[in-house]
Amino acid sequence: MNIIINDISLPLTILQKKSQLEKGLKGKTSISGCYLFMLNRNNGDKDDEHSFWMKGTLISLDIVFCDNNQILKIFHNCPPCDHNNCIQYSNPGNVVLEFEGGFCEKNGIVEGDTFQLNTIF
């Protein structure tokens, strides 16, 4: 599967199991493409806020909150954290995309942009 955003096509890894969502990108020294976190909504509430933090993550990431394939909020270059009082990045949405830190700025990806998911055969 891949994601297409601003005419850029990237390989996509989808995380949806609870264990995958909890681990996230901890321990990774690099990433290629994009990671998509499928988030649950409590009672289908569109305003449910989700929080991400960088504990145990070894590289900076762009954390991108989305809803219905539209970018709502981008946290740029979120730094790794190795202690328990890490910054939390929060926003409503049903999906979070994570890219290597600086990817969004480098590629002109901004809040309000939309994306598509495509299956590659």
PDB file of N, CA and C in Angstrom:
ATOM      1  N   MET A   1       0.854  -1.171   0.000  1.00  0.00           N
ATOM      2  CA  MET A   1       0.000   0.000   0.000  1.00  0.00           C
ATOM      3  C   MET A   1       0.899   1.233   0.000  1.00  0.00           C
ATOM      4  N   ASN A   2       0.380   2.321  -0.553  1.00  0.00           N
ATOM      5  CA  ASN A   2       1.119   3.579  -0.531  1.00  0.00           C
ATOM      6  C   ASN A   2       0.175   4.745  -0.248  1.00  0.00           C
ATOM      7  N   ILE A   3       0.787   5.873   0.079  1.00  0.00           N
ATOM      8  CA  ILE A   3       0.053   7.110   0.324  1.00  0.00           C
ATOM      9  C   ILE A   3       0.495   8.113  -0.733  1.00  0.00           C
ATOM     10  N   ILE A   4      -0.462   8.872  -1.241  1.00  0.00           N
ATOM     11  CA  ILE A   4      -0.153   9.934  -2.199  1.00  0.00           C
ATOM     12  C   ILE A   4      -0.586  11.249  -1.568  1.00  0.00           C
ATOM     13  N   ILE A   5       0.396  12.138  -1.425  1.00  0.00           N
ATOM     14  CA  ILE A   5       0.152  13.441  -0.815  1.00  0.00           C
ATOM     15  C   ILE A   5       0.986  14.473  -1.565  1.00  0.00           C
ATOM     16  N   ASN A   6       0.346  15.518  -2.060  1.00  0.00           N
ATOM     17  CA  ASN A   6       1.016  16.549  -2.868  1.00  0.00           C
ATOM     18  C   ASN A   6       1.799  15.928  -4.024  1.00  0.00           C
ATOM     19  N   ASP A   7       1.189  14.988  -4.722  1.00  0.00           N
ATOM     20  CA  ASP A   7       1.792  14.301  -5.874  1.00  0.00           C
ATOM     21  C   ASP A   7       3.042  13.500  -5.512  1.00  0.00           C
ATOM     22  N   ILE A   8       3.242  13.225  -4.224  1.00  0.00           N
ATOM     23  CA  ILE A   8       4.349  12.390  -3.769  1.00  0.00           C
ATOM     24  C   ILE A   8       3.756  11.055  -3.350  1.00  0.00           C
ATOM     25  N   SER A   9       4.305   9.982  -3.886  1.00  0.00           N
ATOM     26  CA  SER A   9       3.861   8.642  -3.523  1.00  0.00           C
ATOM     27  C   SER A   9       4.917   7.998  -2.634  1.00  0.00           C
ATOM     28  N   LEU A  10       4.467   7.492  -1.481  1.00  0.00           N
ATOM     29  CA  LEU A  10       5.377   6.881  -0.508  1.00  0.00           C
ATOM     30  C   LEU A  10       4.844   5.529  -0.066  1.00  0.00           C
ATOM     31  N   PRO A  11       5.735   4.588   0.257  1.00  0.00           N
ATOM     32  CA  PRO A  11       5.275   3.338   0.862  1.00  0.00           C
ATOM     33  C   PRO A  11       4.632   3.642   2.217  1.00  0.00           C
ATOM     34  N   LEU A  12       3.623   2.862   2.542  1.00  0.00           N
ATOM     35  CA  LEU A  12       2.832   3.103   3.740  1.00  0.00           C
ATOM     36  C   LEU A  12       2.795   1.850   4.603  1.00  0.00           C
ATOM     37  N   THR A  13       3.054   2.029   5.891  1.00  0.00           N
ATOM     38  CA  THR A  13       2.897   0.958   6.872  1.00  0.00           C
ATOM     39  C   THR A  13       1.739   1.346   7.771  1.00  0.00           C
ATOM     40  N   ILE A  14       0.753   0.454   7.883  1.00  0.00           N
ATOM     41  CA  ILE A  14      -0.426   0.733   8.693  1.00  0.00           C
ATOM     42  C   ILE A  14      -0.308   0.008  10.026  1.00  0.00           C
ATOM     43  N   LEU A  15      -0.520   0.766  11.108  1.00  0.00           N
ATOM     44  CA  LEU A  15      -0.523   0.209  12.457  1.00  0.00           C
ATOM     45  C   LEU A  15      -1.939   0.334  12.997  1.00  0.00           C
ATOM     46  N   GLN A  16      -2.525  -0.805  13.386  1.00  0.00           N
ATOM     47  CA  GLN A  16      -3.887  -0.734  13.898  1.00  0.00           C
ATOM     48  C   GLN A  16      -4.129  -1.616  15.110  1.00  0.00           C
ATOM     49  N   LYS A  17      -3.296  -2.638  15.326  1.00  0.00           N
ATOM     50  CA  LYS A  17      -3.438  -3.463  16.522  1.00  0.00           C
ATOM     51  C   LYS A  17      -2.975  -2.665  17.728  1.00  0.00           C
ATOM     52  N   LYS A  18      -3.583  -2.927  18.883  1.00  0.00           N
ATOM     53  CA  LYS A  18      -3.252  -2.188  20.096  1.00  0.00           C
ATOM     54  C   LYS A  18      -1.753  -2.244  20.382  1.00  0.00           C
ATOM     55  N   SER A  19      -1.139  -3.402  20.238  1.00  0.00           N
ATOM     56  CA  SER A  19       0.296  -3.534  20.518  1.00  0.00           C
ATOM     57  C   SER A  19       1.134  -2.700  19.546  1.00  0.00           C
ATOM     58  N   GLN A  20       0.708  -2.621  18.286  1.00  0.00           N
ATOM     59  CA  GLN A  20       1.420  -1.808  17.297  1.00  0.00           C
ATOM     60  C   GLN A  20       1.286  -0.323  17.621  1.00  0.00           C
ATOM     61  N   LEU A  21       0.088   0.088  17.997  1.00  0.00           N
ATOM     62  CA  LEU A  21      -0.158   1.497  18.312  1.00  0.00           C
ATOM     63  C   LEU A  21       0.642   1.933  19.535  1.00  0.00           C
ATOM     64  N   GLU A  22       0.740   1.044  20.532  1.00  0.00           N
ATOM     65  CA  GLU A  22       1.481   1.378  21.748  1.00  0.00           C
ATOM     66  C   GLU A  22       2.982   1.460  21.486  1.00  0.00           C
ATOM     67  N   LYS A  23       3.504   0.572  20.656  1.00  0.00           N
ATOM     68  CA  LYS A  23       4.944   0.578  20.366  1.00  0.00           C
ATOM     69  C   LYS A  23       5.314   1.720  19.425  1.00  0.00           C
ATOM     70  N   GLY A  24       4.485   1.972  18.442  1.00  0.00           N
ATOM     71  CA  GLY A  24       4.762   3.034  17.475  1.00  0.00           C
ATOM     72  C   GLY A  24       6.111   2.842  16.807  1.00  0.00           C
ATOM     73  N   LEU A  25       6.906   3.876  16.764  1.00  0.00           N
ATOM     74  CA  LEU A  25       8.211   3.825  16.097  1.00  0.00           C
ATOM     75  C   LEU A  25       9.368   3.761  17.098  1.00  0.00           C
ATOM     76  N   LYS A  26       9.074   3.317  18.316  1.00  0.00           N
ATOM     77  CA  LYS A  26      10.116   3.173  19.334  1.00  0.00           C
ATOM     78  C   LYS A  26      11.229   2.268  18.817  1.00  0.00           C
ATOM     79  N   GLY A  27      12.470   2.699  19.032  1.00  0.00           N
ATOM     80  CA  GLY A  27      13.628   1.891  18.691  1.00  0.00           C
ATOM     81  C   GLY A  27      14.085   1.977  17.251  1.00  0.00           C
ATOM     82  N   LYS A  28      13.287   2.595  16.377  1.00  0.00           N
ATOM     83  CA  LYS A  28      13.688   2.715  14.972  1.00  0.00           C
ATOM     84  C   LYS A  28      14.768   3.782  14.823  1.00  0.00           C
ATOM     85  N   THR A  29      15.788   3.467  14.026  1.00  0.00           N
ATOM     86  CA  THR A  29      16.863   4.433  13.786  1.00  0.00           C
ATOM     87  C   THR A  29      16.652   5.197  12.485  1.00  0.00           C
ATOM     88  N   SER A  30      15.706   4.754  11.671  1.00  0.00           N
ATOM     89  CA  SER A  30      15.334   5.469  10.453  1.00  0.00           C
ATOM     90  C   SER A  30      13.988   4.913   9.987  1.00  0.00           C
ATOM     91  N   ILE A  31      13.317   5.687   9.152  1.00  0.00           N
ATOM     92  CA  ILE A  31      12.086   5.193   8.527  1.00  0.00           C
ATOM     93  C   ILE A  31      12.100   5.587   7.066  1.00  0.00           C
ATOM     94  N   SER A  32      11.444   4.772   6.272  1.00  0.00           N
ATOM     95  CA  SER A  32      11.239   5.156   4.877  1.00  0.00           C
ATOM     96  C   SER A  32       9.746   5.178   4.651  1.00  0.00           C
ATOM     97  N   GLY A  33       9.294   6.159   3.954  1.00  0.00           N
ATOM     98  CA  GLY A  33       7.870   6.264   3.698  1.00  0.00           C
ATOM     99  C   GLY A  33       7.121   6.892   4.850  1.00  0.00           C
ATOM    100  N   CYS A  34       5.948   6.336   5.111  1.00  0.00           N
ATOM    101  CA  CYS A  34       5.017   6.913   6.070  1.00  0.00           C
ATOM    102  C   CYS A  34       4.404   5.799   6.915  1.00  0.00           C
ATOM    103  N   TYR A  35       4.152   6.103   8.170  1.00  0.00           N
ATOM    104  CA  TYR A  35       3.425   5.201   9.062  1.00  0.00           C
ATOM    105  C   TYR A  35       2.067   5.814   9.343  1.00  0.00           C
ATOM    106  N   LEU A  36       1.028   4.994   9.277  1.00  0.00           N
ATOM    107  CA  LEU A  36      -0.336   5.440   9.513  1.00  0.00           C
ATOM    108  C   LEU A  36      -0.882   4.711  10.729  1.00  0.00           C
ATOM    109  N   PHE A  37      -1.309   5.478  11.726  1.00  0.00           N
ATOM    110  CA  PHE A  37      -1.892   4.934  12.944  1.00  0.00           C
ATOM    111  C   PHE A  37      -3.409   5.066  12.850  1.00  0.00           C
ATOM    112  N   MET A  38      -4.115   3.931  12.865  1.00  0.00           N
ATOM    113  CA  MET A  38      -5.582   3.929  12.840  1.00  0.00           C
ATOM    114  C   MET A  38      -6.075   4.104  14.273  1.00  0.00           C
ATOM    115  N   LEU A  39      -6.793   5.194  14.534  1.00  0.00           N
ATOM    116  CA  LEU A  39      -7.232   5.515  15.890  1.00  0.00           C
ATOM    117  C   LEU A  39      -8.711   5.214  16.071  1.00  0.00           C
ATOM    118  N   ASN A  40      -9.056   4.772  17.270  1.00  0.00           N
ATOM    119  CA  ASN A  40     -10.460   4.523  17.602  1.00  0.00           C
ATOM    120  C   ASN A  40     -11.097   5.793  18.126  1.00  0.00           C
ATOM    121  N   ARG A  41     -12.355   5.928  17.858  1.00  0.00           N
ATOM    122  CA  ARG A  41     -13.126   7.039  18.406  1.00  0.00           C
ATOM    123  C   ARG A  41     -14.072   6.491  19.465  1.00  0.00           C
ATOM    124  N   ASN A  42     -14.114   7.159  20.599  1.00  0.00           N
ATOM    125  CA  ASN A  42     -15.053   6.775  21.649  1.00  0.00           C
ATOM    126  C   ASN A  42     -16.453   7.204  21.215  1.00  0.00           C
ATOM    127  N   ASN A  43     -17.335   6.255  21.076  1.00  0.00           N
ATOM    128  CA  ASN A  43     -18.723   6.534  20.690  1.00  0.00           C
ATOM    129  C   ASN A  43     -18.827   7.304  19.380  1.00  0.00           C
ATOM    130  N   GLY A  44     -17.829   7.182  18.496  1.00  0.00           N
ATOM    131  CA  GLY A  44     -17.878   7.844  17.201  1.00  0.00           C
ATOM    132  C   GLY A  44     -17.718   9.345  17.252  1.00  0.00           C
ATOM    133  N   ASP A  45     -17.235   9.875  18.370  1.00  0.00           N
ATOM    134  CA  ASP A  45     -17.123  11.319  18.557  1.00  0.00           C
ATOM    135  C   ASP A  45     -15.966  11.891  17.739  1.00  0.00           C
ATOM    136  N   LYS A  46     -16.278  12.746  16.785  1.00  0.00           N
ATOM    137  CA  LYS A  46     -15.272  13.355  15.905  1.00  0.00           C
ATOM    138  C   LYS A  46     -14.269  14.211  16.676  1.00  0.00           C
ATOM    139  N   ASP A  47     -14.664  14.715  17.834  1.00  0.00           N
ATOM    140  CA  ASP A  47     -13.787  15.595  18.598  1.00  0.00           C
ATOM    141  C   ASP A  47     -12.898  14.864  19.601  1.00  0.00           C
ATOM    142  N   ASP A  48     -12.897  13.520  19.571  1.00  0.00           N
ATOM    143  CA  ASP A  48     -12.008  12.774  20.460  1.00  0.00           C
ATOM    144  C   ASP A  48     -10.571  13.187  20.211  1.00  0.00           C
ATOM    145  N   GLU A  49      -9.884  13.546  21.284  1.00  0.00           N
ATOM    146  CA  GLU A  49      -8.497  13.963  21.165  1.00  0.00           C
ATOM    147  C   GLU A  49      -7.584  12.777  21.476  1.00  0.00           C
ATOM    148  N   HIS A  50      -6.531  12.641  20.701  1.00  0.00           N
ATOM    149  CA  HIS A  50      -5.547  11.581  20.892  1.00  0.00           C
ATOM    150  C   HIS A  50      -4.200  12.232  21.163  1.00  0.00           C
ATOM    151  N   SER A  51      -3.378  11.555  21.971  1.00  0.00           N
ATOM    152  CA  SER A  51      -2.056  12.082  22.309  1.00  0.00           C
ATOM    153  C   SER A  51      -0.967  11.103  21.904  1.00  0.00           C
ATOM    154  N   PHE A  52       0.111  11.647  21.379  1.00  0.00           N
ATOM    155  CA  PHE A  52       1.299  10.880  21.026  1.00  0.00           C
ATOM    156  C   PHE A  52       2.473  11.491  21.774  1.00  0.00           C
ATOM    157  N   TRP A  53       3.441  10.663  22.112  1.00  0.00           N
ATOM    158  CA  TRP A  53       4.672  11.168  22.702  1.00  0.00           C
ATOM    159  C   TRP A  53       5.832  10.413  22.092  1.00  0.00           C
ATOM    160  N   MET A  54       7.035  10.904  22.340  1.00  0.00           N
ATOM    161  CA  MET A  54       8.224  10.393  21.653  1.00  0.00           C
ATOM    162  C   MET A  54       9.120   9.527  22.545  1.00  0.00           C
ATOM    163  N   LYS A  55       8.590   9.044  23.685  1.00  0.00           N
ATOM    164  CA  LYS A  55       9.412   8.242  24.586  1.00  0.00           C
ATOM    165  C   LYS A  55       9.912   6.987  23.875  1.00  0.00           C
ATOM    166  N   GLY A  56      11.233   6.793  23.916  1.00  0.00           N
ATOM    167  CA  GLY A  56      11.834   5.620  23.311  1.00  0.00           C
ATOM    168  C   GLY A  56      12.046   5.729  21.812  1.00  0.00           C
ATOM    169  N   THR A  57      11.634   6.840  21.233  1.00  0.00           N
ATOM    170  CA  THR A  57      11.847   7.048  19.803  1.00  0.00           C
ATOM    171  C   THR A  57      13.238   7.636  19.621  1.00  0.00           C
ATOM    172  N   LEU A  58      13.966   7.142  18.625  1.00  0.00           N
ATOM    173  CA  LEU A  58      15.362   7.519  18.450  1.00  0.00           C
ATOM    174  C   LEU A  58      15.591   8.598  17.397  1.00  0.00           C
ATOM    175  N   ILE A  59      14.561   8.915  16.618  1.00  0.00           N
ATOM    176  CA  ILE A  59      14.696   9.900  15.543  1.00  0.00           C
ATOM    177  C   ILE A  59      13.578  10.940  15.646  1.00  0.00           C
ATOM    178  N   SER A  60      13.811  12.123  15.117  1.00  0.00           N
ATOM    179  CA  SER A  60      12.768  13.156  15.070  1.00  0.00           C
ATOM    180  C   SER A  60      11.708  12.760  14.055  1.00  0.00           C
ATOM    181  N   LEU A  61      10.466  13.108  14.358  1.00  0.00           N
ATOM    182  CA  LEU A  61       9.347  12.766  13.477  1.00  0.00           C
ATOM    183  C   LEU A  61       8.437  13.967  13.267  1.00  0.00           C
ATOM    184  N   ASP A  62       7.784  14.010  12.120  1.00  0.00           N
ATOM    185  CA  ASP A  62       6.642  14.889  11.901  1.00  0.00           C
ATOM    186  C   ASP A  62       5.409  14.068  12.271  1.00  0.00           C
ATOM    187  N   ILE A  63       4.615  14.565  13.210  1.00  0.00           N
ATOM    188  CA  ILE A  63       3.391  13.882  13.642  1.00  0.00           C
ATOM    189  C   ILE A  63       2.217  14.665  13.068  1.00  0.00           C
ATOM    190  N   VAL A  64       1.382  13.984  12.272  1.00  0.00           N
ATOM    191  CA  VAL A  64       0.349  14.654  11.481  1.00  0.00           C
ATOM    192  C   VAL A  64      -1.023  14.057  11.815  1.00  0.00           C
ATOM    193  N   PHE A  65      -1.864  14.846  12.471  1.00  0.00           N
ATOM    194  CA  PHE A  65      -3.217  14.409  12.813  1.00  0.00           C
ATOM    195  C   PHE A  65      -4.156  14.687  11.645  1.00  0.00           C
ATOM    196  N   CYS A  66      -4.979  13.685  11.299  1.00  0.00           N
ATOM    197  CA  CYS A  66      -5.852  13.782  10.118  1.00  0.00           C
ATOM    198  C   CYS A  66      -7.252  13.279  10.448  1.00  0.00           C
ATOM    199  N   ASP A  67      -8.188  13.696   9.634  1.00  0.00           N
ATOM    200  CA  ASP A  67      -9.548  13.185   9.705  1.00  0.00           C
ATOM    201  C   ASP A  67     -10.102  13.133   8.287  1.00  0.00           C
ATOM    202  N   ASN A  68     -10.638  11.985   7.928  1.00  0.00           N
ATOM    203  CA  ASN A  68     -11.215  11.796   6.593  1.00  0.00           C
ATOM    204  C   ASN A  68     -10.268  12.261   5.483  1.00  0.00           C
ATOM    205  N   ASN A  69      -9.019  11.805   5.585  1.00  0.00           N
ATOM    206  CA  ASN A  69      -7.980  12.057   4.570  1.00  0.00           C
ATOM    207  C   ASN A  69      -7.615  13.534   4.411  1.00  0.00           C
ATOM    208  N   GLN A  70      -7.858  14.322   5.434  1.00  0.00           N
ATOM    209  CA  GLN A  70      -7.438  15.724   5.423  1.00  0.00           C
ATOM    210  C   GLN A  70      -6.566  15.999   6.645  1.00  0.00           C
ATOM    211  N   ILE A  71      -5.477  16.727   6.419  1.00  0.00           N
ATOM    212  CA  ILE A  71      -4.551  17.067   7.500  1.00  0.00           C
ATOM    213  C   ILE A  71      -5.151  18.174   8.355  1.00  0.00           C
ATOM    214  N   LEU A  72      -5.252  17.902   9.659  1.00  0.00           N
ATOM    215  CA  LEU A  72      -5.788  18.874  10.604  1.00  0.00           C
ATOM    216  C   LEU A  72      -4.683  19.645  11.319  1.00  0.00           C
ATOM    217  N   LYS A  73      -3.632  18.932  11.753  1.00  0.00           N
ATOM    218  CA  LYS A  73      -2.579  19.548  12.565  1.00  0.00           C
ATOM    219  C   LYS A  73      -1.262  18.827  12.313  1.00  0.00           C
ATOM    220  N   ILE A  74      -0.185  19.609  12.117  1.00  0.00           N
ATOM    221  CA  ILE A  74       1.148  19.044  11.934  1.00  0.00           C
ATOM    222  C   ILE A  74       2.038  19.525  13.074  1.00  0.00           C
ATOM    223  N   PHE A  75       2.673  18.584  13.747  1.00  0.00           N
ATOM    224  CA  PHE A  75       3.718  18.886  14.712  1.00  0.00           C
ATOM    225  C   PHE A  75       5.036  18.542  14.023  1.00  0.00           C
ATOM    226  N   HIS A  76       5.833  19.553  13.730  1.00  0.00           N
ATOM    227  CA  HIS A  76       7.060  19.386  12.951  1.00  0.00           C
ATOM    228  C   HIS A  76       8.255  19.003  13.825  1.00  0.00           C
ATOM    229  N   ASN A  77       9.092  18.108  13.299  1.00  0.00           N
ATOM    230  CA  ASN A  77      10.377  17.764  13.925  1.00  0.00           C
ATOM    231  C   ASN A  77      10.277  17.493  15.422  1.00  0.00           C
ATOM    232  N   CYS A  78       9.356  16.632  15.818  1.00  0.00           N
ATOM    233  CA  CYS A  78       9.216  16.281  17.230  1.00  0.00           C
ATOM    234  C   CYS A  78      10.455  15.492  17.648  1.00  0.00           C
ATOM    235  N   PRO A  79      11.175  15.980  18.674  1.00  0.00           N
ATOM    236  CA  PRO A  79      12.444  15.349  19.038  1.00  0.00           C
ATOM    237  C   PRO A  79      12.257  14.072  19.852  1.00  0.00           C
ATOM    238  N   PRO A  80      13.244  13.171  19.777  1.00  0.00           N
ATOM    239  CA  PRO A  80      13.220  11.972  20.619  1.00  0.00           C
ATOM    240  C   PRO A  80      13.178  12.354  22.099  1.00  0.00           C
ATOM    241  N   CYS A  81      12.735  11.422  22.924  1.00  0.00           N
ATOM    242  CA  CYS A  81      12.650  11.660  24.361  1.00  0.00           C
ATOM    243  C   CYS A  81      13.066  10.384  25.079  1.00  0.00           C
ATOM    244  N   ASP A  82      13.904  10.517  26.102  1.00  0.00           N
ATOM    245  CA  ASP A  82      14.371   9.326  26.804  1.00  0.00           C
ATOM    246  C   ASP A  82      14.012   9.333  28.292  1.00  0.00           C
ATOM    247  N   HIS A  83      13.009  10.123  28.672  1.00  0.00           N
ATOM    248  CA  HIS A  83      12.579  10.169  30.068  1.00  0.00           C
ATOM    249  C   HIS A  83      11.056  10.071  30.116  1.00  0.00           C
ATOM    250  N   ASN A  84      10.489  10.091  31.314  1.00  0.00           N
ATOM    251  CA  ASN A  84       9.046   9.899  31.471  1.00  0.00           C
ATOM    252  C   ASN A  84       8.214  11.165  31.300  1.00  0.00           C
ATOM    253  N   ASN A  85       8.826  12.325  31.291  1.00  0.00           N
ATOM    254  CA  ASN A  85       8.081  13.585  31.165  1.00  0.00           C
ATOM    255  C   ASN A  85       8.193  14.144  29.750  1.00  0.00           C
ATOM    256  N   CYS A  86       7.910  13.340  28.769  1.00  0.00           N
ATOM    257  CA  CYS A  86       8.001  13.755  27.368  1.00  0.00           C
ATOM    258  C   CYS A  86       6.836  14.679  27.010  1.00  0.00           C
ATOM    259  N   ILE A  87       7.073  15.553  26.068  1.00  0.00           N
ATOM    260  CA  ILE A  87       6.009  16.407  25.519  1.00  0.00           C
ATOM    261  C   ILE A  87       4.960  15.507  24.876  1.00  0.00           C
ATOM    262  N   GLN A  88       3.697  15.850  25.067  1.00  0.00           N
ATOM    263  CA  GLN A  88       2.614  15.126  24.403  1.00  0.00           C
ATOM    264  C   GLN A  88       2.060  15.993  23.279  1.00  0.00           C
ATOM    265  N   TYR A  89       1.850  15.369  22.142  1.00  0.00           N
ATOM    266  CA  TYR A  89       1.309  16.037  20.960  1.00  0.00           C
ATOM    267  C   TYR A  89      -0.118  15.537  20.796  1.00  0.00           C
ATOM    268  N   SER A  90      -1.102  16.433  20.913  1.00  0.00           N
ATOM    269  CA  SER A  90      -2.511  16.034  20.957  1.00  0.00           C
ATOM    270  C   SER A  90      -3.342  16.801  19.952  1.00  0.00           C
ATOM    271  N   ASN A  91      -4.356  16.120  19.445  1.00  0.00           N
ATOM    272  CA  ASN A  91      -5.315  16.742  18.533  1.00  0.00           C
ATOM    273  C   ASN A  91      -6.415  15.718  18.245  1.00  0.00           C
ATOM    274  N   PRO A  92      -7.600  16.162  17.860  1.00  0.00           N
ATOM    275  CA  PRO A  92      -8.612  15.216  17.384  1.00  0.00           C
ATOM    276  C   PRO A  92      -8.206  14.642  16.026  1.00  0.00           C
ATOM    277  N   GLY A  93      -8.863  13.578  15.638  1.00  0.00           N
ATOM    278  CA  GLY A  93      -8.656  12.959  14.334  1.00  0.00           C
ATOM    279  C   GLY A  93      -8.852  11.458  14.410  1.00  0.00           C
ATOM    280  N   ASN A  94      -8.981  10.818  13.256  1.00  0.00           N
ATOM    281  CA  ASN A  94      -9.141   9.370  13.233  1.00  0.00           C
ATOM    282  C   ASN A  94      -7.903   8.647  12.722  1.00  0.00           C
ATOM    283  N   VAL A  95      -6.896   9.420  12.290  1.00  0.00           N
ATOM    284  CA  VAL A  95      -5.658   8.851  11.753  1.00  0.00           C
ATOM    285  C   VAL A  95      -4.513   9.782  12.120  1.00  0.00           C
ATOM    286  N   VAL A  96      -3.362   9.191  12.426  1.00  0.00           N
ATOM    287  CA  VAL A  96      -2.129   9.967  12.557  1.00  0.00           C
ATOM    288  C   VAL A  96      -1.122   9.413  11.572  1.00  0.00           C
ATOM    289  N   LEU A  97      -0.494  10.310  10.831  1.00  0.00           N
ATOM    290  CA  LEU A  97       0.596   9.947   9.933  1.00  0.00           C
ATOM    291  C   LEU A  97       1.897  10.360  10.598  1.00  0.00           C
ATOM    292  N   GLU A  98       2.930   9.540  10.444  1.00  0.00           N
ATOM    293  CA  GLU A  98       4.246   9.916  10.928  1.00  0.00           C
ATOM    294  C   GLU A  98       5.250   9.779   9.797  1.00  0.00           C
ATOM    295  N   PHE A  99       6.011  10.858   9.621  1.00  0.00           N
ATOM    296  CA  PHE A  99       7.065  10.928   8.614  1.00  0.00           C
ATOM    297  C   PHE A  99       8.379  11.227   9.323  1.00  0.00           C
ATOM    298  N   GLU A 100       9.480  10.996   8.638  1.00  0.00           N
ATOM    299  CA  GLU A 100      10.768  11.413   9.162  1.00  0.00           C
ATOM    300  C   GLU A 100      10.714  12.917   9.417  1.00  0.00           C
ATOM    301  N   GLY A 101      11.316  13.367  10.518  1.00  0.00           N
ATOM    302  CA  GLY A 101      11.299  14.776  10.877  1.00  0.00           C
ATOM    303  C   GLY A 101      11.758  15.663   9.736  1.00  0.00           C
ATOM    304  N   GLY A 102      11.008  16.725   9.467  1.00  0.00           N
ATOM    305  CA  GLY A 102      11.336  17.678   8.413  1.00  0.00           C
ATOM    306  C   GLY A 102      10.711  17.361   7.066  1.00  0.00           C
ATOM    307  N   PHE A 103      10.109  16.182   6.922  1.00  0.00           N
ATOM    308  CA  PHE A 103       9.540  15.767   5.635  1.00  0.00           C
ATOM    309  C   PHE A 103       8.448  16.731   5.169  1.00  0.00           C
ATOM    310  N   CYS A 104       7.536  17.089   6.072  1.00  0.00           N
ATOM    311  CA  CYS A 104       6.404  17.937   5.664  1.00  0.00           C
ATOM    312  C   CYS A 104       6.881  19.299   5.176  1.00  0.00           C
ATOM    313  N   GLU A 105       7.760  19.915   5.939  1.00  0.00           N
ATOM    314  CA  GLU A 105       8.262  21.233   5.547  1.00  0.00           C
ATOM    315  C   GLU A 105       9.021  21.153   4.227  1.00  0.00           C
ATOM    316  N   LYS A 106       9.866  20.156   4.089  1.00  0.00           N
ATOM    317  CA  LYS A 106      10.669  19.980   2.875  1.00  0.00           C
ATOM    318  C   LYS A 106       9.790  19.792   1.633  1.00  0.00           C
ATOM    319  N   ASN A 107       8.623  19.165   1.806  1.00  0.00           N
ATOM    320  CA  ASN A 107       7.765  18.839   0.674  1.00  0.00           C
ATOM    321  C   ASN A 107       6.510  19.695   0.590  1.00  0.00           C
ATOM    322  N   GLY A 108       6.457  20.771   1.340  1.00  0.00           N
ATOM    323  CA  GLY A 108       5.341  21.716   1.249  1.00  0.00           C
ATOM    324  C   GLY A 108       4.015  21.157   1.721  1.00  0.00           C
ATOM    325  N   ILE A 109       4.047  20.188   2.614  1.00  0.00           N
ATOM    326  CA  ILE A 109       2.809  19.607   3.145  1.00  0.00           C
ATOM    327  C   ILE A 109       2.339  20.484   4.297  1.00  0.00           C
ATOM    328  N   VAL A 110       1.091  20.944   4.208  1.00  0.00           N
ATOM    329  CA  VAL A 110       0.552  21.884   5.192  1.00  0.00           C
ATOM    330  C   VAL A 110      -0.832  21.428   5.664  1.00  0.00           C
ATOM    331  N   GLU A 111      -1.258  22.013   6.778  1.00  0.00           N
ATOM    332  CA  GLU A 111      -2.595  21.737   7.298  1.00  0.00           C
ATOM    333  C   GLU A 111      -3.631  22.111   6.240  1.00  0.00           C
ATOM    334  N   GLY A 112      -4.616  21.243   6.063  1.00  0.00           N
ATOM    335  CA  GLY A 112      -5.639  21.429   5.032  1.00  0.00           C
ATOM    336  C   GLY A 112      -5.397  20.573   3.804  1.00  0.00           C
ATOM    337  N   ASP A 113      -4.149  20.127   3.588  1.00  0.00           N
ATOM    338  CA  ASP A 113      -3.869  19.230   2.457  1.00  0.00           C
ATOM    339  C   ASP A 113      -4.625  17.919   2.629  1.00  0.00           C
ATOM    340  N   THR A 114      -4.864  17.237   1.520  1.00  0.00           N
ATOM    341  CA  THR A 114      -5.521  15.940   1.548  1.00  0.00           C
ATOM    342  C   THR A 114      -4.571  14.881   0.991  1.00  0.00           C
ATOM    343  N   PHE A 115      -4.918  13.622   1.245  1.00  0.00           N
ATOM    344  CA  PHE A 115      -4.101  12.512   0.755  1.00  0.00           C
ATOM    345  C   PHE A 115      -4.998  11.354   0.337  1.00  0.00           C
ATOM    346  N   GLN A 116      -4.411  10.438  -0.421  1.00  0.00           N
ATOM    347  CA  GLN A 116      -5.096   9.232  -0.872  1.00  0.00           C
ATOM    348  C   GLN A 116      -4.287   8.027  -0.445  1.00  0.00           C
ATOM    349  N   LEU A 117      -4.980   6.924  -0.208  1.00  0.00           N
ATOM    350  CA  LEU A 117      -4.321   5.646   0.052  1.00  0.00           C
ATOM    351  C   LEU A 117      -4.595   4.742  -1.133  1.00  0.00           C
ATOM    352  N   ASN A 118      -3.554   4.118  -1.659  1.00  0.00           N
ATOM    353  CA  ASN A 118      -3.692   3.250  -2.819  1.00  0.00           C
ATOM    354  C   ASN A 118      -3.033   1.910  -2.549  1.00  0.00           C
ATOM    355  N   THR A 119      -3.656   0.863  -3.047  1.00  0.00           N
ATOM    356  CA  THR A 119      -3.079  -0.464  -2.959  1.00  0.00           C
ATOM    357  C   THR A 119      -2.222  -0.694  -4.194  1.00  0.00           C
ATOM    358  N   ILE A 120      -1.017  -1.190  -3.988  1.00  0.00           N
ATOM    359  CA  ILE A 120      -0.110  -1.489  -5.091  1.00  0.00           C
ATOM    360  C   ILE A 120      -0.189  -2.989  -5.355  1.00  0.00           C
ATOM    361  N   PHE A 121      -0.389  -3.341  -6.608  1.00  0.00           N
ATOM    362  CA  PHE A 121      -0.419  -4.768  -6.980  1.00  0.00           C
ATOM    363  C   PHE A 121       0.828  -5.130  -7.736  1.00  0.00           C
TER     364      PHE A 121
END
